[in-house]
Amino acid sequence: MVAKFLTVLLIIFSASQAFAIKPISGSYQKHYASAKKEDHWLILGAIERIKGEVKPEAQERVSGKVQSWLWQIPSGHSSEEAFAQVKSQVDEVSATLFECQGRSCGLSNDYANQVFQHSILYGRDSNQHYWLGLDQVKKDTLWLIYSIQRSNKRVYVYVEKIVLAKQESGVFDSYLESEGNKSLFEDRYVVLSILQGDALLSEEDVSKVKKLLHENPTQKFALVVHRYADMESQSLLDQTQQEAQGLVNQLANQDAFIKNLYAHGAGSMMPRGDLADRIELVVLAK
């Protein structure tokens, strides 16, 4: 009986450790759970209180397997540090669905007691951080991270990994599009695709750019083609200019609003990091 009990404990402990994320060294794990849920509540916008009820600006309820962890962080570390330590391990492979910090998130009390149901996460509204991201490749796994500093200075980090049920496919597409547009206007450009051959927009990119042009009829954009072939600079500029114009024509043939869409061949100019041949959508100054 004792051996069986110890085996169960070992399985639970192994499951709680069987993932890549690690909190700040020296953290104490206070909670781990794993369960299939049919109505899991996810916050995708700031929480407000309306007539005493919790009303997020955006929310979804999903089905899937939910794993959750809660750590107490060692003294001397801030809520922001603890949050960044965990988030840095998953954000490169995830697309942000919603992120907030401080009072812009809403009341910490609501996250602690209404959303996560861990009262220990109730702390200072100004010292909370929240992030929800979706795996960019399979789009079937969500990561949720929440950190808080309590009035006694103790810092806690709560993490959820949600593997979505098959019927949830596509439920976050609109959030991805909204967050993608936000990043586009903040960074002033986005890479649409890495080129392996001819410069063509995928059906998904055609649909995305068409919608963007329709929703922003006075904003000027450019489709820019970059190539780094071993050939004379002017020839490369001429080639990429023709390819960029071909992309604009591709959109025009799909009835896109192209009045304020321009074609630009960059050749091997304006490299960004280690990116290779690519198509970019650039936001131009008005």
C-alpha atoms as a PDB file:
ATOM      1  CA  MET A   1       0.000   0.000   0.000  1.00  0.00           C
ATOM      2  CA  VAL A   2       2.842   2.365   0.954  1.00  0.00           C
ATOM      3  CA  ALA A   3       4.718   1.492  -2.236  1.00  0.00           C
ATOM      4  CA  LYS A   4       1.624   2.222  -4.329  1.00  0.00           C
ATOM      5  CA  PHE A   5       1.160   5.575  -2.562  1.00  0.00           C
ATOM      6  CA  LEU A   6       4.792   6.515  -3.187  1.00  0.00           C
ATOM      7  CA  THR A   7       4.429   5.569  -6.863  1.00  0.00           C
ATOM      8  CA  VAL A   8       1.424   7.877  -7.219  1.00  0.00           C
ATOM      9  CA  LEU A   9       3.356  10.700  -5.557  1.00  0.00           C
ATOM     10  CA  LEU A  10       6.282  10.112  -7.933  1.00  0.00           C
ATOM     11  CA  ILE A  11       3.983  10.257 -10.970  1.00  0.00           C
ATOM     12  CA  ILE A  12       2.454  13.520  -9.744  1.00  0.00           C
ATOM     13  CA  PHE A  13       5.875  15.018  -9.044  1.00  0.00           C
ATOM     14  CA  SER A  14       7.220  13.930 -12.448  1.00  0.00           C
ATOM     15  CA  ALA A  15       4.234  15.453 -14.230  1.00  0.00           C
ATOM     16  CA  SER A  16       4.704  18.727 -12.396  1.00  0.00           C
ATOM     17  CA  GLN A  17       8.330  18.847 -13.549  1.00  0.00           C
ATOM     18  CA  ALA A  18       7.811  17.606 -17.109  1.00  0.00           C
ATOM     19  CA  PHE A  19       7.907  20.946 -18.866  1.00  0.00           C
ATOM     20  CA  ALA A  20      10.644  23.320 -19.881  1.00  0.00           C
ATOM     21  CA  ILE A  21       9.626  26.396 -17.881  1.00  0.00           C
ATOM     22  CA  LYS A  22      11.525  27.106 -14.689  1.00  0.00           C
ATOM     23  CA  PRO A  23      10.892  29.991 -12.266  1.00  0.00           C
ATOM     24  CA  ILE A  24      13.643  31.999 -10.597  1.00  0.00           C
ATOM     25  CA  SER A  25      16.134  29.716  -8.875  1.00  0.00           C
ATOM     26  CA  GLY A  26      15.162  28.962  -5.294  1.00  0.00           C
ATOM     27  CA  SER A  27      11.411  29.333  -5.875  1.00  0.00           C
ATOM     28  CA  TYR A  28       9.079  27.180  -3.785  1.00  0.00           C
ATOM     29  CA  GLN A  29       6.295  25.324  -5.576  1.00  0.00           C
ATOM     30  CA  LYS A  30       3.036  25.724  -3.666  1.00  0.00           C
ATOM     31  CA  HIS A  31       0.631  24.152  -6.147  1.00  0.00           C
ATOM     32  CA  TYR A  32       0.372  21.826  -9.129  1.00  0.00           C
ATOM     33  CA  ALA A  33      -2.762  20.456 -10.792  1.00  0.00           C
ATOM     34  CA  SER A  34      -3.704  18.720 -14.035  1.00  0.00           C
ATOM     35  CA  ALA A  35      -7.245  18.149 -15.242  1.00  0.00           C
ATOM     36  CA  LYS A  36      -9.466  18.086 -18.311  1.00  0.00           C
ATOM     37  CA  LYS A  37     -11.880  21.009 -18.272  1.00  0.00           C
ATOM     38  CA  GLU A  38     -14.938  21.791 -20.370  1.00  0.00           C
ATOM     39  CA  ASP A  39     -15.413  25.461 -19.496  1.00  0.00           C
ATOM     40  CA  HIS A  40     -12.029  26.978 -18.670  1.00  0.00           C
ATOM     41  CA  TRP A  41     -12.159  30.767 -18.264  1.00  0.00           C
ATOM     42  CA  LEU A  42      -9.548  32.868 -20.091  1.00  0.00           C
ATOM     43  CA  ILE A  43      -9.196  36.638 -19.751  1.00  0.00           C
ATOM     44  CA  LEU A  44      -8.364  38.506 -22.977  1.00  0.00           C
ATOM     45  CA  GLY A  45      -9.029  42.084 -21.879  1.00  0.00           C
ATOM     46  CA  ALA A  46      -8.905  44.267 -18.787  1.00  0.00           C
ATOM     47  CA  ILE A  47     -11.297  43.260 -16.004  1.00  0.00           C
ATOM     48  CA  GLU A  48     -13.940  45.764 -14.950  1.00  0.00           C
ATOM     49  CA  ARG A  49     -16.533  45.693 -12.180  1.00  0.00           C
ATOM     50  CA  ILE A  50     -20.057  46.482 -13.380  1.00  0.00           C
ATOM     51  CA  LYS A  51     -22.786  46.406 -10.743  1.00  0.00           C
ATOM     52  CA  GLY A  52     -20.588  44.166  -8.634  1.00  0.00           C
ATOM     53  CA  GLU A  53     -19.990  41.630 -11.409  1.00  0.00           C
ATOM     54  CA  VAL A  54     -16.626  40.797 -13.013  1.00  0.00           C
ATOM     55  CA  LYS A  55     -16.797  41.915 -16.659  1.00  0.00           C
ATOM     56  CA  PRO A  56     -13.617  41.444 -18.755  1.00  0.00           C
ATOM     57  CA  GLU A  57     -13.361  43.520 -21.925  1.00  0.00           C
ATOM     58  CA  ALA A  58     -12.838  40.213 -23.760  1.00  0.00           C
ATOM     59  CA  GLN A  59     -12.961  36.600 -22.622  1.00  0.00           C
ATOM     60  CA  GLU A  60     -13.262  33.030 -23.856  1.00  0.00           C
ATOM     61  CA  ARG A  61     -14.268  29.743 -22.265  1.00  0.00           C
ATOM     62  CA  VAL A  62     -12.527  26.711 -23.733  1.00  0.00           C
ATOM     63  CA  SER A  63     -12.234  22.948 -23.355  1.00  0.00           C
ATOM     64  CA  GLY A  64      -8.910  21.190 -22.963  1.00  0.00           C
ATOM     65  CA  LYS A  65      -6.292  19.770 -20.644  1.00  0.00           C
ATOM     66  CA  VAL A  66      -5.190  22.362 -18.086  1.00  0.00           C
ATOM     67  CA  GLN A  67      -1.990  22.133 -16.066  1.00  0.00           C
ATOM     68  CA  SER A  68      -1.278  24.814 -13.474  1.00  0.00           C
ATOM     69  CA  TRP A  69       1.675  25.737 -11.262  1.00  0.00           C
ATOM     70  CA  LEU A  70       2.076  28.270  -8.475  1.00  0.00           C
ATOM     71  CA  TRP A  71       5.426  29.342  -7.055  1.00  0.00           C
ATOM     72  CA  GLN A  72       6.533  31.593  -4.227  1.00  0.00           C
ATOM     73  CA  ILE A  73       9.563  33.558  -5.438  1.00  0.00           C
ATOM     74  CA  PRO A  74      12.623  34.076  -3.173  1.00  0.00           C
ATOM     75  CA  SER A  75      12.956  37.408  -1.370  1.00  0.00           C
ATOM     76  CA  GLY A  76      14.763  40.159  -3.245  1.00  0.00           C
ATOM     77  CA  HIS A  77      13.015  39.596  -6.583  1.00  0.00           C
ATOM     78  CA  SER A  78      10.240  41.792  -7.950  1.00  0.00           C
ATOM     79  CA  SER A  79       6.980  40.704  -9.559  1.00  0.00           C
ATOM     80  CA  GLU A  80       8.294  42.039 -12.887  1.00  0.00           C
ATOM     81  CA  GLU A  81      11.498  39.975 -12.645  1.00  0.00           C
ATOM     82  CA  ALA A  82       9.595  36.805 -11.794  1.00  0.00           C
ATOM     83  CA  PHE A  83       7.160  37.392 -14.659  1.00  0.00           C
ATOM     84  CA  ALA A  84       9.918  38.107 -17.202  1.00  0.00           C
ATOM     85  CA  GLN A  85      11.896  35.014 -16.159  1.00  0.00           C
ATOM     86  CA  VAL A  86       9.006  32.697 -16.975  1.00  0.00           C
ATOM     87  CA  LYS A  87       7.662  34.554 -20.005  1.00  0.00           C
ATOM     88  CA  SER A  88      11.058  34.618 -21.735  1.00  0.00           C
ATOM     89  CA  GLN A  89      10.942  30.827 -21.966  1.00  0.00           C
ATOM     90  CA  VAL A  90       7.760  30.662 -24.051  1.00  0.00           C
ATOM     91  CA  ASP A  91       7.141  34.014 -25.773  1.00  0.00           C
ATOM     92  CA  GLU A  92       9.484  33.331 -28.714  1.00  0.00           C
ATOM     93  CA  VAL A  93       7.344  30.382 -29.808  1.00  0.00           C
ATOM     94  CA  SER A  94       4.038  32.004 -28.859  1.00  0.00           C
ATOM     95  CA  ALA A  95       1.850  34.736 -30.307  1.00  0.00           C
ATOM     96  CA  THR A  96       0.550  37.187 -27.720  1.00  0.00           C
ATOM     97  CA  LEU A  97      -3.227  37.202 -27.340  1.00  0.00           C
ATOM     98  CA  PHE A  98      -3.410  39.636 -24.431  1.00  0.00           C
ATOM     99  CA  GLU A  99      -0.944  41.270 -22.063  1.00  0.00           C
ATOM    100  CA  CYS A 100      -1.283  43.888 -19.334  1.00  0.00           C
ATOM    101  CA  GLN A 101       0.453  45.148 -16.241  1.00  0.00           C
ATOM    102  CA  GLY A 102      -0.420  47.136 -13.149  1.00  0.00           C
ATOM    103  CA  ARG A 103      -3.814  48.764 -12.757  1.00  0.00           C
ATOM    104  CA  SER A 104      -4.518  48.461 -16.498  1.00  0.00           C
ATOM    105  CA  CYS A 105      -5.295  44.756 -15.860  1.00  0.00           C
ATOM    106  CA  GLY A 106      -8.069  45.468 -13.360  1.00  0.00           C
ATOM    107  CA  LEU A 107      -8.265  44.416  -9.717  1.00  0.00           C
ATOM    108  CA  SER A 108      -5.818  41.813  -8.450  1.00  0.00           C
ATOM    109  CA  ASN A 109      -8.548  40.572  -6.129  1.00  0.00           C
ATOM    110  CA  ASP A 110     -10.634  39.550  -9.140  1.00  0.00           C
ATOM    111  CA  TYR A 111      -7.794  37.615 -10.763  1.00  0.00           C
ATOM    112  CA  ALA A 112      -6.945  35.868  -7.489  1.00  0.00           C
ATOM    113  CA  ASN A 113     -10.410  34.935  -6.257  1.00  0.00           C
ATOM    114  CA  GLN A 114     -12.648  34.936  -9.327  1.00  0.00           C
ATOM    115  CA  VAL A 115     -10.404  33.840 -12.205  1.00  0.00           C
ATOM    116  CA  PHE A 116      -7.621  31.678 -10.732  1.00  0.00           C
ATOM    117  CA  GLN A 117      -9.276  30.835  -7.386  1.00  0.00           C
ATOM    118  CA  HIS A 118      -6.031  31.166  -5.458  1.00  0.00           C
ATOM    119  CA  SER A 119      -6.517  33.822  -2.772  1.00  0.00           C
ATOM    120  CA  ILE A 120      -2.767  33.972  -2.196  1.00  0.00           C
ATOM    121  CA  LEU A 121      -2.488  35.778  -5.562  1.00  0.00           C
ATOM    122  CA  TYR A 122      -4.327  38.810  -4.168  1.00  0.00           C
ATOM    123  CA  GLY A 123      -1.828  41.650  -3.953  1.00  0.00           C
ATOM    124  CA  ARG A 124      -1.056  45.165  -5.070  1.00  0.00           C
ATOM    125  CA  ASP A 125      -2.852  46.102  -8.289  1.00  0.00           C
ATOM    126  CA  SER A 126       0.179  48.145  -9.361  1.00  0.00           C
ATOM    127  CA  ASN A 127       2.498  45.125  -9.072  1.00  0.00           C
ATOM    128  CA  GLN A 128       0.650  42.576 -11.207  1.00  0.00           C
ATOM    129  CA  HIS A 129       1.560  41.261 -14.672  1.00  0.00           C
ATOM    130  CA  TYR A 130      -0.566  39.093 -16.968  1.00  0.00           C
ATOM    131  CA  TRP A 131       0.166  37.438 -20.302  1.00  0.00           C
ATOM    132  CA  LEU A 132      -1.688  34.923 -22.469  1.00  0.00           C
ATOM    133  CA  GLY A 133      -0.015  33.454 -25.548  1.00  0.00           C
ATOM    134  CA  LEU A 134      -0.818  30.832 -28.187  1.00  0.00           C
ATOM    135  CA  ASP A 135       1.675  28.443 -29.780  1.00  0.00           C
ATOM    136  CA  GLN A 136       2.460  29.929 -33.213  1.00  0.00           C
ATOM    137  CA  VAL A 137       2.968  26.637 -35.051  1.00  0.00           C
ATOM    138  CA  LYS A 138       0.242  24.162 -34.073  1.00  0.00           C
ATOM    139  CA  LYS A 139      -2.003  26.790 -32.449  1.00  0.00           C
ATOM    140  CA  ASP A 140      -3.261  24.185 -29.998  1.00  0.00           C
ATOM    141  CA  THR A 141      -1.452  25.176 -26.815  1.00  0.00           C
ATOM    142  CA  LEU A 142      -1.925  28.252 -24.627  1.00  0.00           C
ATOM    143  CA  TRP A 143       0.415  29.589 -21.966  1.00  0.00           C
ATOM    144  CA  LEU A 144      -0.887  31.892 -19.234  1.00  0.00           C
ATOM    145  CA  ILE A 145       1.432  33.714 -16.823  1.00  0.00           C
ATOM    146  CA  TYR A 146       0.408  35.907 -13.891  1.00  0.00           C
ATOM    147  CA  SER A 147       2.690  37.444 -11.265  1.00  0.00           C
ATOM    148  CA  ILE A 148       1.892  39.540  -8.204  1.00  0.00           C
ATOM    149  CA  GLN A 149       3.566  41.136  -5.202  1.00  0.00           C
ATOM    150  CA  ARG A 150       1.520  41.054  -2.021  1.00  0.00           C
ATOM    151  CA  SER A 151       1.475  43.778   0.624  1.00  0.00           C
ATOM    152  CA  ASN A 152       3.880  41.663   2.724  1.00  0.00           C
ATOM    153  CA  LYS A 153       6.389  41.921  -0.178  1.00  0.00           C
ATOM    154  CA  ARG A 154       6.100  38.245  -1.096  1.00  0.00           C
ATOM    155  CA  VAL A 155       6.047  37.577  -4.841  1.00  0.00           C
ATOM    156  CA  TYR A 156       4.132  34.760  -6.541  1.00  0.00           C
ATOM    157  CA  VAL A 157       3.978  33.467 -10.115  1.00  0.00           C
ATOM    158  CA  TYR A 158       1.077  31.426 -11.441  1.00  0.00           C
ATOM    159  CA  VAL A 159       1.321  29.532 -14.767  1.00  0.00           C
ATOM    160  CA  GLU A 160      -1.178  27.575 -16.828  1.00  0.00           C
ATOM    161  CA  LYS A 161      -0.531  25.364 -19.843  1.00  0.00           C
ATOM    162  CA  ILE A 162      -3.746  24.662 -21.759  1.00  0.00           C
ATOM    163  CA  VAL A 163      -3.780  22.059 -24.530  1.00  0.00           C
ATOM    164  CA  LEU A 164      -6.932  22.877 -26.447  1.00  0.00           C
ATOM    165  CA  ALA A 165      -9.535  20.329 -27.481  1.00  0.00           C
ATOM    166  CA  LYS A 166      -9.882  19.834 -31.259  1.00  0.00           C
ATOM    167  CA  GLN A 167     -13.221  21.645 -31.393  1.00  0.00           C
ATOM    168  CA  GLU A 168     -11.526  24.862 -30.234  1.00  0.00           C
ATOM    169  CA  SER A 169      -9.607  25.224 -33.514  1.00  0.00           C
ATOM    170  CA  GLY A 170      -9.723  28.804 -34.805  1.00  0.00           C
ATOM    171  CA  VAL A 171     -11.311  30.299 -31.693  1.00  0.00           C
ATOM    172  CA  PHE A 172      -8.393  32.719 -31.208  1.00  0.00           C
ATOM    173  CA  ASP A 173      -7.878  33.761 -34.848  1.00  0.00           C
ATOM    174  CA  SER A 174      -9.490  37.177 -34.370  1.00  0.00           C
ATOM    175  CA  TYR A 175      -7.297  37.884 -31.331  1.00  0.00           C
ATOM    176  CA  LEU A 176      -4.174  36.914 -33.275  1.00  0.00           C
ATOM    177  CA  GLU A 177      -5.152  39.250 -36.093  1.00  0.00           C
ATOM    178  CA  SER A 178      -5.849  42.120 -33.702  1.00  0.00           C
ATOM    179  CA  GLU A 179      -2.542  41.652 -31.869  1.00  0.00           C
ATOM    180  CA  GLY A 180      -0.703  41.279 -35.184  1.00  0.00           C
ATOM    181  CA  ASN A 181      -2.085  44.593 -36.453  1.00  0.00           C
ATOM    182  CA  LYS A 182      -1.112  46.248 -33.177  1.00  0.00           C
ATOM    183  CA  SER A 183       2.477  45.014 -33.570  1.00  0.00           C
ATOM    184  CA  LEU A 184       2.515  46.129 -37.215  1.00  0.00           C
ATOM    185  CA  PHE A 185       1.655  49.731 -36.348  1.00  0.00           C
ATOM    186  CA  GLU A 186       4.043  49.774 -33.378  1.00  0.00           C
ATOM    187  CA  ASP A 187       7.031  48.276 -35.251  1.00  0.00           C
ATOM    188  CA  ARG A 188       6.073  49.876 -38.602  1.00  0.00           C
ATOM    189  CA  TYR A 189       6.642  46.615 -40.483  1.00  0.00           C
ATOM    190  CA  VAL A 190       5.906  42.893 -40.415  1.00  0.00           C
ATOM    191  CA  VAL A 191       7.524  39.983 -42.261  1.00  0.00           C
ATOM    192  CA  LEU A 192       4.811  38.259 -44.309  1.00  0.00           C
ATOM    193  CA  SER A 193       6.940  35.380 -45.547  1.00  0.00           C
ATOM    194  CA  ILE A 194      10.467  34.070 -46.020  1.00  0.00           C
ATOM    195  CA  LEU A 195      11.046  33.405 -49.721  1.00  0.00           C
ATOM    196  CA  GLN A 196      12.153  29.977 -50.922  1.00  0.00           C
ATOM    197  CA  GLY A 197      11.404  30.662 -54.592  1.00  0.00           C
ATOM    198  CA  ASP A 198       9.036  32.981 -56.465  1.00  0.00           C
ATOM    199  CA  ALA A 199       7.662  36.014 -54.639  1.00  0.00           C
ATOM    200  CA  LEU A 200       3.976  35.260 -54.079  1.00  0.00           C
ATOM    201  CA  LEU A 201       1.546  35.957 -51.263  1.00  0.00           C
ATOM    202  CA  SER A 202      -0.203  32.985 -49.673  1.00  0.00           C
ATOM    203  CA  GLU A 203      -4.000  32.913 -49.635  1.00  0.00           C
ATOM    204  CA  GLU A 204      -3.870  33.665 -45.919  1.00  0.00           C
ATOM    205  CA  ASP A 205      -1.640  36.718 -46.464  1.00  0.00           C
ATOM    206  CA  VAL A 206      -3.810  37.973 -49.336  1.00  0.00           C
ATOM    207  CA  SER A 207      -6.868  37.797 -47.089  1.00  0.00           C
ATOM    208  CA  LYS A 208      -5.018  39.459 -44.208  1.00  0.00           C
ATOM    209  CA  VAL A 209      -3.631  42.338 -46.283  1.00  0.00           C
ATOM    210  CA  LYS A 210      -6.962  42.883 -48.081  1.00  0.00           C
ATOM    211  CA  LYS A 211      -8.736  43.283 -44.761  1.00  0.00           C
ATOM    212  CA  LEU A 212      -6.034  45.604 -43.426  1.00  0.00           C
ATOM    213  CA  LEU A 213      -6.245  47.847 -46.499  1.00  0.00           C
ATOM    214  CA  HIS A 214     -10.028  47.939 -46.281  1.00  0.00           C
ATOM    215  CA  GLU A 215      -9.989  48.867 -42.575  1.00  0.00           C
ATOM    216  CA  ASN A 216      -7.291  51.552 -43.040  1.00  0.00           C
ATOM    217  CA  PRO A 217      -8.215  53.266 -46.348  1.00  0.00           C
ATOM    218  CA  THR A 218      -6.175  56.463 -45.682  1.00  0.00           C
ATOM    219  CA  GLN A 219      -3.031  54.760 -44.418  1.00  0.00           C
ATOM    220  CA  LYS A 220      -0.168  54.233 -46.873  1.00  0.00           C
ATOM    221  CA  PHE A 221       1.555  50.833 -46.982  1.00  0.00           C
ATOM    222  CA  ALA A 222       4.313  49.254 -49.050  1.00  0.00           C
ATOM    223  CA  LEU A 223       5.007  45.684 -50.040  1.00  0.00           C
ATOM    224  CA  VAL A 224       8.775  45.307 -49.947  1.00  0.00           C
ATOM    225  CA  VAL A 225      10.793  42.449 -51.422  1.00  0.00           C
ATOM    226  CA  HIS A 226      14.309  41.741 -50.073  1.00  0.00           C
ATOM    227  CA  ARG A 227      16.749  39.394 -51.776  1.00  0.00           C
ATOM    228  CA  TYR A 228      20.416  38.651 -51.108  1.00  0.00           C
ATOM    229  CA  ALA A 229      21.489  36.772 -54.227  1.00  0.00           C
ATOM    230  CA  ASP A 230      25.088  36.982 -55.431  1.00  0.00           C
ATOM    231  CA  MET A 231      24.498  39.361 -58.325  1.00  0.00           C
ATOM    232  CA  GLU A 232      25.035  43.003 -59.304  1.00  0.00           C
ATOM    233  CA  SER A 233      23.215  45.421 -56.956  1.00  0.00           C
ATOM    234  CA  GLN A 234      21.226  47.294 -59.615  1.00  0.00           C
ATOM    235  CA  SER A 235      20.044  44.060 -61.227  1.00  0.00           C
ATOM    236  CA  LEU A 236      18.873  42.843 -57.821  1.00  0.00           C
ATOM    237  CA  LEU A 237      17.037  46.115 -57.207  1.00  0.00           C
ATOM    238  CA  ASP A 238      15.317  45.858 -60.598  1.00  0.00           C
ATOM    239  CA  GLN A 239      14.330  42.221 -59.980  1.00  0.00           C
ATOM    240  CA  THR A 240      12.872  42.875 -56.527  1.00  0.00           C
ATOM    241  CA  GLN A 241      11.004  45.957 -57.793  1.00  0.00           C
ATOM    242  CA  GLN A 242       9.321  43.817 -60.446  1.00  0.00           C
ATOM    243  CA  GLU A 243       8.497  41.169 -57.846  1.00  0.00           C
ATOM    244  CA  ALA A 244       7.032  43.749 -55.449  1.00  0.00           C
ATOM    245  CA  GLN A 245       4.857  45.151 -58.240  1.00  0.00           C
ATOM    246  CA  GLY A 246       3.747  41.611 -58.969  1.00  0.00           C
ATOM    247  CA  LEU A 247       2.551  41.306 -55.357  1.00  0.00           C
ATOM    248  CA  VAL A 248       0.513  44.508 -55.672  1.00  0.00           C
ATOM    249  CA  ASN A 249      -0.966  43.150 -58.917  1.00  0.00           C
ATOM    250  CA  GLN A 250      -1.778  39.878 -57.145  1.00  0.00           C
ATOM    251  CA  LEU A 251      -3.808  41.822 -54.566  1.00  0.00           C
ATOM    252  CA  ALA A 252      -5.459  43.958 -57.249  1.00  0.00           C
ATOM    253  CA  ASN A 253      -6.596  40.785 -59.029  1.00  0.00           C
ATOM    254  CA  GLN A 254      -8.236  39.757 -55.753  1.00  0.00           C
ATOM    255  CA  ASP A 255     -10.187  43.057 -55.615  1.00  0.00           C
ATOM    256  CA  ALA A 256      -8.072  44.560 -52.831  1.00  0.00           C
ATOM    257  CA  PHE A 257      -8.153  48.321 -52.214  1.00  0.00           C
ATOM    258  CA  ILE A 258      -4.662  49.226 -53.487  1.00  0.00           C
ATOM    259  CA  LYS A 259      -4.945  53.019 -53.840  1.00  0.00           C
ATOM    260  CA  ASN A 260      -2.468  53.563 -50.989  1.00  0.00           C
ATOM    261  CA  LEU A 261      -0.403  50.406 -51.478  1.00  0.00           C
ATOM    262  CA  TYR A 262       3.048  50.814 -53.023  1.00  0.00           C
ATOM    263  CA  ALA A 263       5.622  48.382 -54.409  1.00  0.00           C
ATOM    264  CA  HIS A 264       9.273  48.611 -53.409  1.00  0.00           C
ATOM    265  CA  GLY A 265      12.201  46.422 -54.381  1.00  0.00           C
ATOM    266  CA  ALA A 266      14.914  46.705 -51.727  1.00  0.00           C
ATOM    267  CA  GLY A 267      17.400  44.289 -53.255  1.00  0.00           C
ATOM    268  CA  SER A 268      19.985  43.553 -50.582  1.00  0.00           C
ATOM    269  CA  MET A 269      19.510  46.920 -48.904  1.00  0.00           C
ATOM    270  CA  MET A 270      18.070  47.403 -45.390  1.00  0.00           C
ATOM    271  CA  PRO A 271      18.925  44.014 -43.845  1.00  0.00           C
ATOM    272  CA  ARG A 272      17.170  43.198 -40.554  1.00  0.00           C
ATOM    273  CA  GLY A 273      19.185  40.846 -38.376  1.00  0.00           C
ATOM    274  CA  ASP A 274      19.693  37.412 -39.915  1.00  0.00           C
ATOM    275  CA  LEU A 275      16.577  37.444 -42.091  1.00  0.00           C
ATOM    276  CA  ALA A 276      17.013  36.049 -45.586  1.00  0.00           C
ATOM    277  CA  ASP A 277      14.998  36.663 -48.772  1.00  0.00           C
ATOM    278  CA  ARG A 278      11.596  37.872 -47.641  1.00  0.00           C
ATOM    279  CA  ILE A 279       8.422  39.878 -48.210  1.00  0.00           C
ATOM    280  CA  GLU A 280       7.584  42.661 -45.779  1.00  0.00           C
ATOM    281  CA  LEU A 281       4.536  44.832 -45.294  1.00  0.00           C
ATOM    282  CA  VAL A 282       5.644  48.303 -44.207  1.00  0.00           C
ATOM    283  CA  VAL A 283       3.595  51.140 -42.708  1.00  0.00           C
ATOM    284  CA  LEU A 284       4.520  54.407 -44.447  1.00  0.00           C
ATOM    285  CA  ALA A 285       4.350  57.880 -42.976  1.00  0.00           C
ATOM    286  CA  LYS A 286       1.151  59.704 -43.904  1.00  0.00           C
END
